N, C-alpha and C. Protein backbone atom coordinates (compact mmCIF):
# COMPACT_ATOMS: atom_id res chain seq x y z
N MET A 1 -34.25 -20.80 -0.64
CA MET A 1 -33.24 -19.69 -0.75
C MET A 1 -31.69 -20.18 -0.36
N LEU A 2 -30.57 -19.68 -1.25
CA LEU A 2 -29.20 -19.44 -1.69
C LEU A 2 -28.53 -18.98 0.06
N LEU A 3 -27.41 -19.40 0.57
CA LEU A 3 -27.24 -18.78 1.47
C LEU A 3 -26.51 -17.12 1.67
N GLY A 4 -26.50 -16.42 2.15
CA GLY A 4 -26.59 -15.03 1.94
C GLY A 4 -24.63 -14.42 2.15
N PRO A 5 -24.29 -13.12 1.38
CA PRO A 5 -23.05 -13.02 1.79
C PRO A 5 -22.43 -13.00 3.35
N GLU A 6 -23.47 -12.16 3.90
CA GLU A 6 -22.49 -12.64 5.67
C GLU A 6 -23.08 -13.18 6.18
N GLN A 7 -23.97 -14.76 5.83
CA GLN A 7 -23.82 -16.02 6.34
C GLN A 7 -22.68 -16.86 5.74
N LEU A 8 -22.16 -16.56 4.54
CA LEU A 8 -20.44 -17.16 4.14
C LEU A 8 -19.35 -16.63 4.75
N LEU A 9 -19.61 -15.04 4.91
CA LEU A 9 -18.50 -14.40 5.56
C LEU A 9 -18.36 -15.13 7.00
N ALA A 10 -19.29 -15.41 7.54
CA ALA A 10 -19.01 -15.64 9.17
C ALA A 10 -18.53 -17.05 9.05
N PHE A 11 -19.31 -18.13 8.08
CA PHE A 11 -18.92 -19.38 8.47
C PHE A 11 -18.05 -20.08 7.70
N LEU A 12 -17.12 -19.64 6.58
CA LEU A 12 -16.32 -19.78 5.61
C LEU A 12 -15.16 -19.91 6.69
N PRO A 13 -14.45 -18.64 7.49
CA PRO A 13 -13.51 -18.41 8.06
C PRO A 13 -13.74 -19.72 9.45
N ALA A 14 -14.93 -19.75 9.84
CA ALA A 14 -15.24 -20.63 11.02
C ALA A 14 -14.27 -21.63 10.93
N ALA A 15 -15.46 -22.32 9.74
CA ALA A 15 -15.04 -23.79 9.23
C ALA A 15 -13.65 -23.97 8.89
N ILE A 16 -12.96 -23.03 8.26
CA ILE A 16 -11.44 -23.49 8.00
C ILE A 16 -10.66 -23.69 9.18
N LEU A 17 -10.87 -22.70 9.99
CA LEU A 17 -9.93 -22.30 11.32
C LEU A 17 -10.24 -24.01 12.05
N ILE A 18 -11.51 -24.47 11.63
CA ILE A 18 -11.85 -25.83 12.42
C ILE A 18 -11.05 -26.96 11.63
N THR A 19 -11.06 -26.70 10.37
CA THR A 19 -10.65 -27.74 9.69
C THR A 19 -9.33 -27.89 9.54
N LEU A 20 -8.52 -27.14 10.38
CA LEU A 20 -7.02 -26.80 10.47
C LEU A 20 -6.32 -27.30 11.68
N SER A 21 -7.44 -26.83 12.70
CA SER A 21 -7.09 -27.34 13.93
C SER A 21 -6.97 -28.67 13.79
N PRO A 22 -5.56 -28.61 14.73
CA PRO A 22 -5.48 -30.23 15.03
C PRO A 22 -6.63 -31.16 15.54
N GLY A 23 -6.39 -32.43 15.02
CA GLY A 23 -7.14 -33.42 15.71
C GLY A 23 -7.37 -34.61 14.44
N PRO A 24 -8.42 -35.40 14.98
CA PRO A 24 -7.93 -36.90 14.51
C PRO A 24 -8.07 -37.01 13.05
N ASP A 25 -9.00 -36.39 12.18
CA ASP A 25 -9.11 -36.30 10.71
C ASP A 25 -7.78 -36.14 10.11
N ASN A 26 -7.34 -34.80 10.71
CA ASN A 26 -5.57 -34.23 10.48
C ASN A 26 -4.29 -35.14 10.63
N LEU A 27 -4.77 -35.73 12.02
CA LEU A 27 -3.79 -36.72 11.89
C LEU A 27 -3.55 -37.84 11.23
N MET A 28 -4.74 -38.70 10.84
CA MET A 28 -4.46 -39.78 9.78
C MET A 28 -4.28 -39.24 8.63
N VAL A 29 -5.08 -38.14 8.20
CA VAL A 29 -4.27 -37.59 6.69
C VAL A 29 -2.86 -37.27 6.63
N LEU A 30 -2.35 -36.78 7.82
CA LEU A 30 -0.64 -36.65 7.97
C LEU A 30 0.33 -37.98 7.96
N SER A 31 -0.83 -39.13 8.99
CA SER A 31 0.16 -40.17 9.37
C SER A 31 0.30 -41.11 7.73
N LEU A 32 -1.05 -41.24 6.88
CA LEU A 32 -0.70 -41.95 5.90
C LEU A 32 -0.33 -41.43 4.91
N GLY A 33 -0.23 -40.10 4.84
CA GLY A 33 0.33 -39.37 3.44
C GLY A 33 1.83 -39.72 3.87
N ILE A 34 2.62 -39.17 5.14
CA ILE A 34 3.83 -39.71 5.45
C ILE A 34 4.15 -41.02 5.04
N ALA A 35 3.32 -41.89 5.63
CA ALA A 35 3.81 -43.73 5.54
C ALA A 35 3.39 -44.25 4.07
N ARG A 36 2.90 -43.65 3.27
CA ARG A 36 2.34 -44.06 1.70
C ARG A 36 2.43 -43.02 0.59
N GLY A 37 3.07 -41.90 0.88
CA GLY A 37 3.02 -41.03 -0.18
C GLY A 37 1.53 -40.47 -0.48
N ARG A 38 2.22 -38.93 -1.08
CA ARG A 38 1.43 -37.90 -1.42
C ARG A 38 -0.48 -38.44 -2.29
N ARG A 39 -0.21 -39.47 -3.01
CA ARG A 39 -1.59 -39.80 -3.64
C ARG A 39 -2.42 -40.54 -2.62
N ALA A 40 -1.87 -41.40 -1.98
CA ALA A 40 -2.61 -41.67 -0.48
C ALA A 40 -3.24 -40.92 0.28
N GLY A 41 -1.89 -40.07 0.98
CA GLY A 41 -2.82 -38.82 1.75
C GLY A 41 -3.72 -38.05 1.39
N MET A 42 -3.67 -37.50 -0.21
CA MET A 42 -4.94 -36.71 -0.93
C MET A 42 -6.17 -37.70 -0.89
N VAL A 43 -6.36 -38.90 -1.47
CA VAL A 43 -7.12 -39.84 -1.63
C VAL A 43 -8.29 -40.22 -0.03
N PHE A 44 -7.02 -40.44 0.63
CA PHE A 44 -7.56 -40.31 1.82
C PHE A 44 -8.29 -39.44 2.58
N GLY A 45 -7.57 -38.34 2.34
CA GLY A 45 -8.38 -36.94 2.94
C GLY A 45 -9.41 -36.25 2.07
N LEU A 46 -9.49 -36.78 1.01
CA LEU A 46 -11.13 -36.59 0.29
C LEU A 46 -11.95 -37.15 0.79
N GLY A 47 -11.56 -38.57 1.14
CA GLY A 47 -12.71 -39.58 1.31
C GLY A 47 -13.13 -38.99 3.39
N CYS A 48 -12.32 -38.56 3.95
CA CYS A 48 -12.47 -38.02 5.14
C CYS A 48 -13.55 -36.56 4.57
N ALA A 49 -13.37 -35.98 4.00
CA ALA A 49 -13.92 -34.42 3.76
C ALA A 49 -15.08 -35.16 3.53
N LEU A 50 -15.25 -36.37 2.41
CA LEU A 50 -16.62 -36.35 1.98
C LEU A 50 -17.86 -37.03 3.14
N GLY A 51 -17.02 -37.84 3.81
CA GLY A 51 -17.70 -38.57 5.05
C GLY A 51 -18.67 -37.27 5.45
N CYS A 52 -17.83 -36.07 5.82
CA CYS A 52 -19.00 -35.25 6.23
C CYS A 52 -19.98 -34.69 6.00
N LEU A 53 -20.45 -35.07 4.43
CA LEU A 53 -21.95 -35.40 3.49
C LEU A 53 -23.00 -36.05 4.85
N SER A 54 -22.80 -37.59 4.72
CA SER A 54 -23.54 -38.35 6.20
C SER A 54 -23.84 -37.36 6.89
N HIS A 55 -23.01 -36.77 7.90
CA HIS A 55 -23.17 -36.37 8.98
C HIS A 55 -24.33 -34.86 8.57
N THR A 56 -23.92 -34.20 7.49
CA THR A 56 -24.82 -33.15 7.09
C THR A 56 -26.02 -33.32 6.79
N THR A 57 -26.61 -34.58 6.05
CA THR A 57 -27.66 -35.07 5.93
C THR A 57 -28.66 -35.61 7.20
N LEU A 58 -27.68 -36.01 8.26
CA LEU A 58 -27.99 -36.26 9.23
C LEU A 58 -28.87 -35.27 9.98
N ALA A 59 -28.11 -34.14 9.89
CA ALA A 59 -28.35 -32.67 10.41
C ALA A 59 -29.70 -32.05 10.24
N ALA A 60 -29.63 -32.48 8.86
CA ALA A 60 -30.65 -31.42 8.18
C ALA A 60 -32.14 -32.56 8.23
N LEU A 61 -32.05 -33.61 8.73
CA LEU A 61 -33.18 -34.82 8.93
C LEU A 61 -33.47 -34.71 10.29
N GLY A 62 -32.85 -34.56 11.04
CA GLY A 62 -32.98 -34.35 12.61
C GLY A 62 -32.47 -35.85 13.10
N VAL A 63 -32.17 -36.75 12.33
CA VAL A 63 -31.83 -38.20 12.71
C VAL A 63 -30.79 -37.43 14.11
N GLY A 64 -29.58 -36.87 13.32
CA GLY A 64 -28.60 -36.62 14.36
C GLY A 64 -29.21 -36.32 16.08
N ALA A 65 -30.24 -35.28 15.83
CA ALA A 65 -30.66 -35.10 17.28
C ALA A 65 -31.14 -35.87 17.65
N LEU A 66 -32.07 -37.26 17.11
CA LEU A 66 -32.20 -38.17 17.51
C LEU A 66 -31.09 -39.03 18.31
N LEU A 67 -30.04 -39.35 17.39
CA LEU A 67 -29.13 -39.98 18.10
C LEU A 67 -28.49 -39.41 18.88
N ALA A 68 -28.13 -37.88 19.10
CA ALA A 68 -27.89 -37.29 20.11
C ALA A 68 -28.16 -37.31 21.67
N ALA A 69 -29.90 -37.33 21.55
CA ALA A 69 -30.86 -37.65 22.71
C ALA A 69 -30.38 -39.61 23.14
N SER A 70 -29.87 -40.27 22.37
CA SER A 70 -30.12 -41.87 22.65
C SER A 70 -28.72 -42.11 23.05
N PRO A 71 -28.38 -42.38 24.25
CA PRO A 71 -27.05 -42.70 25.30
C PRO A 71 -26.55 -44.05 24.74
N LEU A 72 -27.35 -44.86 24.18
CA LEU A 72 -27.15 -46.12 23.53
C LEU A 72 -26.80 -46.09 22.20
N ALA A 73 -27.44 -45.28 21.59
CA ALA A 73 -27.24 -45.34 20.06
C ALA A 73 -25.77 -44.53 19.85
N LEU A 74 -25.50 -43.52 20.94
CA LEU A 74 -23.86 -43.31 20.89
C LEU A 74 -22.93 -43.70 21.21
N LEU A 75 -22.91 -44.63 22.27
CA LEU A 75 -21.84 -45.45 22.62
C LEU A 75 -22.11 -46.52 21.17
N GLY A 76 -23.30 -47.10 21.05
CA GLY A 76 -22.59 -47.91 19.95
C GLY A 76 -22.20 -47.64 18.66
N LEU A 77 -22.44 -46.08 18.45
CA LEU A 77 -21.68 -45.49 17.07
C LEU A 77 -20.01 -45.51 17.65
N LYS A 78 -19.63 -44.76 18.81
CA LYS A 78 -18.62 -44.81 19.31
C LYS A 78 -17.70 -46.40 19.52
N LEU A 79 -18.42 -47.40 20.00
CA LEU A 79 -17.91 -48.72 19.62
C LEU A 79 -17.32 -48.75 18.42
N LEU A 80 -18.27 -48.71 17.30
CA LEU A 80 -18.27 -49.28 15.98
C LEU A 80 -17.11 -48.27 15.36
N GLY A 81 -17.19 -47.02 15.72
CA GLY A 81 -16.19 -45.76 15.19
C GLY A 81 -14.81 -46.15 15.56
N GLY A 82 -14.61 -46.61 17.15
CA GLY A 82 -13.58 -46.75 17.22
C GLY A 82 -13.08 -48.20 17.31
N GLY A 83 -13.68 -49.50 17.14
CA GLY A 83 -13.39 -50.25 16.80
C GLY A 83 -12.75 -50.41 15.10
N TYR A 84 -13.44 -49.68 14.46
CA TYR A 84 -12.94 -49.83 12.93
C TYR A 84 -11.67 -48.70 12.77
N LEU A 85 -11.48 -47.74 13.49
CA LEU A 85 -9.85 -47.38 13.42
C LEU A 85 -8.57 -48.14 14.00
N ALA A 86 -9.07 -48.57 14.90
CA ALA A 86 -8.19 -49.77 15.80
C ALA A 86 -7.88 -50.93 14.44
N TRP A 87 -9.10 -50.95 13.95
CA TRP A 87 -8.88 -51.94 13.07
C TRP A 87 -7.94 -51.84 11.77
N LEU A 88 -7.81 -50.67 11.41
CA LEU A 88 -6.90 -50.28 10.42
C LEU A 88 -5.74 -50.06 10.95
N GLY A 89 -5.77 -49.51 11.93
CA GLY A 89 -4.36 -49.38 12.91
C GLY A 89 -3.43 -50.71 12.79
N TRP A 90 -3.94 -51.94 13.58
CA TRP A 90 -4.12 -53.12 13.60
C TRP A 90 -3.25 -53.78 12.00
N GLN A 91 -3.98 -53.41 11.10
CA GLN A 91 -3.37 -54.04 10.01
C GLN A 91 -2.24 -53.01 9.70
N ALA A 92 -2.31 -51.90 9.82
CA ALA A 92 -0.78 -51.51 9.62
C ALA A 92 0.08 -51.78 10.58
N LEU A 93 -0.13 -52.25 11.76
CA LEU A 93 0.73 -52.95 12.80
C LEU A 93 1.58 -54.37 11.77
N HIS A 94 0.51 -54.64 11.46
CA HIS A 94 1.39 -56.31 10.92
C HIS A 94 1.10 -56.15 9.35
N SER A 95 1.53 -55.70 8.88
CA SER A 95 1.98 -55.37 7.23
C SER A 95 2.99 -55.56 7.27
N ALA A 96 4.24 -55.72 7.45
CA ALA A 96 5.72 -56.21 7.29
C ALA A 96 5.78 -55.35 6.31
N GLY A 97 5.94 -54.21 6.41
CA GLY A 97 6.36 -53.17 5.48
C GLY A 97 5.44 -52.91 4.12
N THR A 98 4.28 -53.88 4.47
CA THR A 98 4.01 -53.67 2.52
C THR A 98 2.37 -52.77 2.44
N ARG A 99 2.77 -51.65 3.59
CA ARG A 99 1.54 -51.18 3.97
C ARG A 99 0.29 -51.23 4.42
N LEU A 100 -0.68 -51.12 4.84
CA LEU A 100 -2.20 -50.90 4.65
C LEU A 100 -2.71 -52.30 4.27
N GLN A 101 -3.12 -53.44 4.78
CA GLN A 101 -3.33 -54.62 4.00
C GLN A 101 -5.22 -54.39 3.40
N THR A 102 -5.63 -54.29 2.57
CA THR A 102 -7.00 -54.29 2.15
C THR A 102 -7.13 -55.18 0.98
N GLY A 103 -6.76 -56.76 1.15
CA GLY A 103 -7.04 -57.99 0.66
C GLY A 103 -6.62 -58.10 -0.91
N ALA A 104 -5.10 -57.03 -0.91
CA ALA A 104 -4.83 -56.97 -2.26
C ALA A 104 -3.42 -57.88 -1.95
N PRO A 105 -2.88 -58.27 -3.25
CA PRO A 105 -1.70 -59.69 -2.89
C PRO A 105 -0.33 -58.93 -1.98
N GLN A 106 0.11 -59.92 -0.84
CA GLN A 106 0.99 -59.09 -0.45
C GLN A 106 2.08 -58.34 -0.90
N GLY A 107 3.05 -57.13 -1.04
CA GLY A 107 3.47 -56.46 -1.53
C GLY A 107 2.84 -55.46 -2.37
N ALA A 108 1.52 -55.43 -2.83
CA ALA A 108 0.80 -54.75 -3.29
C ALA A 108 0.26 -53.36 -3.13
N GLU A 109 0.33 -52.35 -3.34
CA GLU A 109 -0.62 -51.00 -3.09
C GLU A 109 -1.34 -51.32 -2.93
N PRO A 110 -2.36 -50.88 -1.88
CA PRO A 110 -3.80 -51.05 -2.22
C PRO A 110 -4.63 -50.32 -2.85
N SER A 111 -5.53 -50.20 -3.11
CA SER A 111 -6.26 -49.67 -3.89
C SER A 111 -6.52 -47.92 -3.75
N LEU A 112 -6.74 -47.10 -4.78
CA LEU A 112 -6.96 -45.89 -3.81
C LEU A 112 -8.50 -45.77 -3.76
N TRP A 113 -9.22 -46.67 -4.50
CA TRP A 113 -10.36 -46.59 -3.97
C TRP A 113 -10.58 -47.03 -3.04
N ARG A 114 -9.92 -47.91 -2.35
CA ARG A 114 -9.89 -48.82 -1.02
C ARG A 114 -9.54 -47.63 0.02
N LEU A 115 -8.41 -47.15 -0.16
CA LEU A 115 -8.37 -45.66 0.49
C LEU A 115 -8.98 -44.93 1.03
N PHE A 116 -10.16 -44.13 -0.28
CA PHE A 116 -11.01 -43.22 -0.32
C PHE A 116 -12.20 -43.83 0.58
N ALA A 117 -12.33 -44.92 0.50
CA ALA A 117 -13.67 -45.37 1.12
C ALA A 117 -12.89 -45.70 2.75
N LYS A 118 -12.28 -45.90 2.88
CA LYS A 118 -11.59 -46.11 4.42
C LYS A 118 -11.89 -44.93 4.86
N GLY A 119 -11.28 -43.92 4.41
CA GLY A 119 -11.07 -42.59 4.77
C GLY A 119 -12.71 -42.20 5.01
N LEU A 120 -13.45 -42.53 4.04
CA LEU A 120 -15.10 -41.79 3.77
C LEU A 120 -15.93 -42.70 5.37
N CYS A 121 -15.34 -44.18 5.49
CA CYS A 121 -15.77 -45.03 6.50
C CYS A 121 -15.28 -44.45 8.11
N ALA A 122 -14.35 -44.20 7.88
CA ALA A 122 -13.58 -43.41 9.76
C ALA A 122 -14.48 -42.37 9.75
N ASN A 123 -14.55 -41.08 8.84
CA ASN A 123 -15.11 -40.00 9.46
C ASN A 123 -16.85 -40.12 9.45
N ALA A 124 -17.22 -41.22 8.40
CA ALA A 124 -18.99 -41.49 8.70
C ALA A 124 -19.48 -41.99 10.07
N VAL A 125 -18.48 -43.18 10.88
CA VAL A 125 -18.78 -43.50 11.72
C VAL A 125 -18.06 -42.66 13.17
N ASN A 126 -17.69 -41.36 12.85
CA ASN A 126 -17.39 -40.79 13.83
C ASN A 126 -18.47 -40.29 14.63
N PRO A 127 -19.19 -40.76 15.64
CA PRO A 127 -20.01 -40.00 16.52
C PRO A 127 -19.78 -38.56 16.85
N LYS A 128 -18.50 -38.26 17.05
CA LYS A 128 -17.84 -36.66 17.67
C LYS A 128 -18.55 -35.72 16.42
N VAL A 129 -18.05 -36.19 15.42
CA VAL A 129 -18.66 -35.12 13.79
C VAL A 129 -19.90 -34.97 13.51
N ILE A 130 -20.86 -36.36 14.42
CA ILE A 130 -22.43 -35.79 14.31
C ILE A 130 -22.94 -34.96 14.91
N LEU A 131 -22.09 -35.14 16.51
CA LEU A 131 -22.43 -34.01 17.37
C LEU A 131 -22.12 -32.54 17.28
N PHE A 132 -20.89 -32.81 16.58
CA PHE A 132 -20.44 -31.19 16.11
C PHE A 132 -21.19 -30.55 15.10
N PHE A 133 -21.51 -31.49 14.02
CA PHE A 133 -22.39 -30.45 13.23
C PHE A 133 -23.83 -30.22 13.60
N LEU A 134 -23.95 -30.98 14.65
CA LEU A 134 -25.23 -30.34 15.36
C LEU A 134 -25.40 -29.21 16.24
N ALA A 135 -24.22 -28.89 17.27
CA ALA A 135 -23.76 -28.20 17.30
C ALA A 135 -23.18 -26.78 16.63
N PHE A 136 -22.43 -26.88 15.57
CA PHE A 136 -21.95 -25.61 14.49
C PHE A 136 -22.79 -25.37 13.47
N LEU A 137 -23.72 -26.05 13.07
CA LEU A 137 -24.23 -25.48 11.64
C LEU A 137 -25.17 -24.59 12.13
N PRO A 138 -25.95 -25.20 12.96
CA PRO A 138 -27.33 -23.92 13.40
C PRO A 138 -26.74 -22.66 13.52
N GLN A 139 -25.91 -22.62 14.35
CA GLN A 139 -25.28 -20.97 14.25
C GLN A 139 -25.01 -20.05 13.44
N PHE A 140 -25.29 -20.61 12.11
CA PHE A 140 -25.14 -20.18 10.93
C PHE A 140 -26.46 -20.07 9.89
N ILE A 141 -27.64 -20.42 10.51
CA ILE A 141 -28.70 -20.60 9.91
C ILE A 141 -29.99 -19.63 10.41
N SER A 142 -29.84 -18.88 9.24
CA SER A 142 -30.67 -17.67 9.32
C SER A 142 -32.65 -18.13 9.34
N SER A 143 -33.21 -17.17 10.10
CA SER A 143 -34.37 -17.56 10.24
C SER A 143 -35.48 -16.84 9.49
N GLY A 144 -34.80 -16.19 7.94
CA GLY A 144 -35.65 -16.26 7.17
C GLY A 144 -35.57 -17.58 5.85
N GLY A 145 -35.46 -18.67 5.83
CA GLY A 145 -35.31 -19.42 5.55
C GLY A 145 -35.42 -20.81 5.71
N SER A 146 -35.70 -22.31 4.80
CA SER A 146 -35.93 -23.52 5.49
C SER A 146 -34.37 -24.07 6.32
N ALA A 147 -34.45 -24.10 7.32
CA ALA A 147 -33.54 -24.65 7.94
C ALA A 147 -32.79 -25.88 7.52
N GLY A 148 -33.55 -26.63 6.93
CA GLY A 148 -33.03 -27.98 6.57
C GLY A 148 -32.18 -27.82 5.22
N TRP A 149 -32.75 -26.98 4.00
CA TRP A 149 -31.75 -26.48 2.71
C TRP A 149 -30.91 -25.60 3.66
N GLN A 150 -30.61 -24.81 4.11
CA GLN A 150 -29.61 -23.99 4.89
C GLN A 150 -28.68 -24.96 5.53
N THR A 151 -28.69 -26.14 5.97
CA THR A 151 -28.12 -26.83 6.59
C THR A 151 -27.37 -27.74 5.77
N LEU A 152 -28.07 -28.05 4.76
CA LEU A 152 -27.16 -29.05 3.72
C LEU A 152 -26.24 -27.94 3.13
N GLN A 153 -26.63 -26.82 2.16
CA GLN A 153 -25.70 -25.87 2.36
C GLN A 153 -24.50 -25.96 2.75
N LEU A 154 -24.62 -25.09 3.78
CA LEU A 154 -23.62 -25.23 5.02
C LEU A 154 -22.43 -26.77 5.13
N GLY A 155 -22.91 -27.55 5.13
CA GLY A 155 -22.51 -28.80 5.10
C GLY A 155 -21.91 -29.08 4.20
N ALA A 156 -22.25 -28.84 2.96
CA ALA A 156 -21.56 -29.14 1.78
C ALA A 156 -20.45 -28.03 1.37
N LEU A 157 -20.42 -26.50 1.51
CA LEU A 157 -19.34 -25.57 1.78
C LEU A 157 -18.59 -26.29 2.94
N PHE A 158 -18.75 -26.89 4.08
CA PHE A 158 -17.75 -27.27 5.16
C PHE A 158 -17.01 -28.17 4.39
N THR A 159 -17.52 -29.67 3.59
CA THR A 159 -16.95 -30.46 3.15
C THR A 159 -16.06 -30.02 2.13
N LEU A 160 -16.28 -29.00 0.84
CA LEU A 160 -15.51 -28.55 0.01
C LEU A 160 -14.23 -28.05 0.62
N GLN A 161 -14.47 -27.14 1.50
CA GLN A 161 -13.28 -26.64 2.04
C GLN A 161 -12.44 -27.69 2.85
N ALA A 162 -12.79 -28.59 3.27
CA ALA A 162 -12.42 -29.72 4.35
C ALA A 162 -11.49 -30.34 3.13
N ALA A 163 -12.35 -31.17 1.91
CA ALA A 163 -11.66 -31.50 0.89
C ALA A 163 -10.35 -31.03 0.56
N LEU A 164 -10.30 -29.42 0.57
CA LEU A 164 -9.18 -28.88 -0.35
C LEU A 164 -7.86 -29.25 0.72
N LEU A 165 -8.30 -28.83 1.52
CA LEU A 165 -7.43 -28.61 2.83
C LEU A 165 -6.64 -30.10 3.28
N PHE A 166 -7.49 -30.78 3.21
CA PHE A 166 -7.61 -32.08 3.31
C PHE A 166 -6.30 -33.10 2.40
N ALA A 167 -6.98 -32.67 1.20
CA ALA A 167 -5.77 -33.05 -0.15
C ALA A 167 -4.46 -32.40 -0.38
N THR A 168 -4.61 -30.97 0.43
CA THR A 168 -3.26 -30.14 0.48
C THR A 168 -2.66 -30.76 1.79
N LEU A 169 -3.29 -30.93 2.56
CA LEU A 169 -2.50 -31.62 3.68
C LEU A 169 -1.36 -32.97 3.43
N GLY A 170 -2.43 -33.65 2.65
CA GLY A 170 -1.93 -35.16 2.03
C GLY A 170 -0.87 -34.92 0.90
N TYR A 171 -1.19 -34.09 0.45
CA TYR A 171 0.18 -33.43 -0.76
C TYR A 171 1.46 -33.42 0.21
N PHE A 172 1.50 -32.72 0.90
CA PHE A 172 2.69 -32.20 1.66
C PHE A 172 3.29 -33.45 2.58
N ALA A 173 2.46 -33.55 3.34
CA ALA A 173 2.39 -35.28 4.19
C ALA A 173 3.34 -35.91 3.16
N GLY A 174 3.00 -36.32 1.55
CA GLY A 174 3.38 -37.41 0.87
C GLY A 174 4.69 -37.11 0.64
N HIS A 175 5.17 -35.90 0.12
CA HIS A 175 6.49 -35.29 -0.03
C HIS A 175 7.47 -35.55 1.17
N ALA A 176 7.40 -35.21 2.24
CA ALA A 176 8.02 -35.71 3.46
C ALA A 176 8.15 -36.72 3.40
N GLY A 177 7.21 -37.39 3.07
CA GLY A 177 6.93 -39.30 3.15
C GLY A 177 7.89 -39.99 2.35
N SER A 178 7.88 -39.26 1.23
CA SER A 178 8.65 -39.98 -0.24
C SER A 178 10.32 -39.94 -0.20
N TRP A 179 10.71 -39.21 0.70
CA TRP A 179 12.20 -39.22 1.48
C TRP A 179 12.23 -40.00 2.33
N LEU A 180 11.24 -40.24 3.24
CA LEU A 180 11.50 -41.06 4.51
C LEU A 180 11.36 -42.64 3.92
N ASN A 181 10.63 -43.02 3.11
CA ASN A 181 10.23 -44.25 2.84
C ASN A 181 11.49 -44.75 1.39
N THR A 182 12.65 -43.92 1.44
CA THR A 182 13.40 -44.45 0.66
C THR A 182 13.89 -46.05 0.85
N SER A 183 14.25 -46.10 1.88
CA SER A 183 14.33 -47.48 2.74
C SER A 183 13.43 -48.26 2.89
N PRO A 184 13.36 -49.56 2.74
CA PRO A 184 12.19 -50.78 3.19
C PRO A 184 12.10 -50.41 4.82
N ARG A 185 13.13 -50.29 5.02
CA ARG A 185 13.06 -50.72 6.55
C ARG A 185 12.60 -49.56 7.15
N ARG A 186 12.65 -48.38 6.76
CA ARG A 186 12.03 -46.49 7.37
C ARG A 186 10.79 -47.00 6.55
N GLY A 187 10.28 -47.53 6.03
CA GLY A 187 8.82 -48.13 4.99
C GLY A 187 8.38 -48.53 6.53
N MET A 188 8.25 -49.68 6.75
CA MET A 188 8.18 -50.39 7.51
C MET A 188 7.61 -49.53 9.17
N TRP A 189 8.68 -48.71 9.37
CA TRP A 189 8.32 -48.29 10.60
C TRP A 189 7.41 -47.41 10.21
N LEU A 190 7.34 -46.48 9.38
CA LEU A 190 6.78 -45.33 9.08
C LEU A 190 4.84 -45.97 8.72
N ASP A 191 5.23 -47.19 8.21
CA ASP A 191 3.71 -48.10 8.72
C ASP A 191 3.13 -47.91 10.09
N ARG A 192 4.10 -48.87 10.98
CA ARG A 192 4.16 -48.75 12.29
C ARG A 192 3.58 -47.61 12.92
N LEU A 193 4.29 -46.83 12.82
CA LEU A 193 3.61 -45.12 13.57
C LEU A 193 2.19 -44.77 13.06
N ALA A 194 1.86 -45.10 11.51
CA ALA A 194 0.94 -44.49 11.31
C ALA A 194 -0.31 -46.01 12.03
N GLY A 195 0.09 -46.99 12.51
CA GLY A 195 -0.87 -48.13 12.97
C GLY A 195 -1.09 -47.36 14.10
N MET A 196 0.20 -46.82 14.91
CA MET A 196 -0.49 -46.97 16.33
C MET A 196 -0.75 -45.24 16.18
N VAL A 197 -0.78 -44.58 15.60
CA VAL A 197 -1.78 -43.35 15.87
C VAL A 197 -3.12 -43.95 15.48
N PHE A 198 -3.25 -44.58 13.93
CA PHE A 198 -5.35 -45.03 14.19
C PHE A 198 -5.56 -45.97 15.35
N ILE A 199 -4.69 -46.54 16.02
CA ILE A 199 -5.16 -47.20 17.08
C ILE A 199 -5.70 -46.72 18.49
N ALA A 200 -4.63 -45.28 18.55
CA ALA A 200 -4.54 -44.24 20.00
C ALA A 200 -5.98 -43.49 19.53
N LEU A 201 -6.16 -43.47 18.05
CA LEU A 201 -7.16 -42.16 18.13
C LEU A 201 -8.78 -43.33 18.58
N GLY A 202 -8.47 -44.55 18.02
CA GLY A 202 -9.24 -45.52 18.32
C GLY A 202 -10.04 -45.85 19.33
N LEU A 203 -8.70 -45.95 20.39
CA LEU A 203 -9.23 -46.37 21.92
C LEU A 203 -9.71 -44.80 22.26
N ARG A 204 -9.08 -43.63 21.88
CA ARG A 204 -9.64 -42.04 22.72
C ARG A 204 -10.86 -42.13 22.16
N LEU A 205 -11.72 -42.42 21.20
CA LEU A 205 -13.03 -42.64 20.73
C LEU A 205 -13.77 -43.37 21.34
N MET A 206 -13.45 -44.47 21.53
CA MET A 206 -13.86 -45.53 22.39
C MET A 206 -14.43 -45.21 24.02
N LEU A 207 -13.24 -44.68 24.65
CA LEU A 207 -13.18 -44.22 25.80
C LEU A 207 -13.92 -42.78 26.04
N ALA A 208 -13.70 -42.21 25.39
CA ALA A 208 -14.19 -40.61 25.42
C ALA A 208 -15.55 -40.42 25.93
N ARG A 209 -15.80 -39.74 27.28
CA ARG A 209 -17.01 -39.68 27.67
C ARG A 209 -18.02 -38.57 26.81
């Protein structure tokens, strides 16, 4: 069955408030948009949002619950996710003002597809998001229908509103960054700032209990 109006009215405002609250995804989209412009911020934000679909699928299949019950599996995911974010930050710190390196020639802009993939992976390997989906989505599931099907619908709806909000954040961050990026030296320091944000978020994820 499809989600009922009462479920939508309860779920959407909560999902929007959670998405807008300060968090790792917001900070990454904001810092990347400022450092590289609105297209990069929007594309990376879309990748982050669509990464939620992997957590939705895990929650619907019950795999997320198994991961949450295994401290070793969660530790592995934390190290993987935190290490990935720290690696992205390290690349930005050593980009010599040419933006995050993605295998493109020196001085070239990274592919938007690569930025999208980076956003997708940054969200998909974050175990905190897995735990959040396991705790958040079931609160809006009605006892009158399939829990798995409702979980998929709720996750898809969360992903859609997150994509719209992250794209908007990336767009306006890019507007601010377009002025700040007029100087090559200024652009280099913006990359440094974005790199430090990514490294800080990666270390925070790896060290969090």
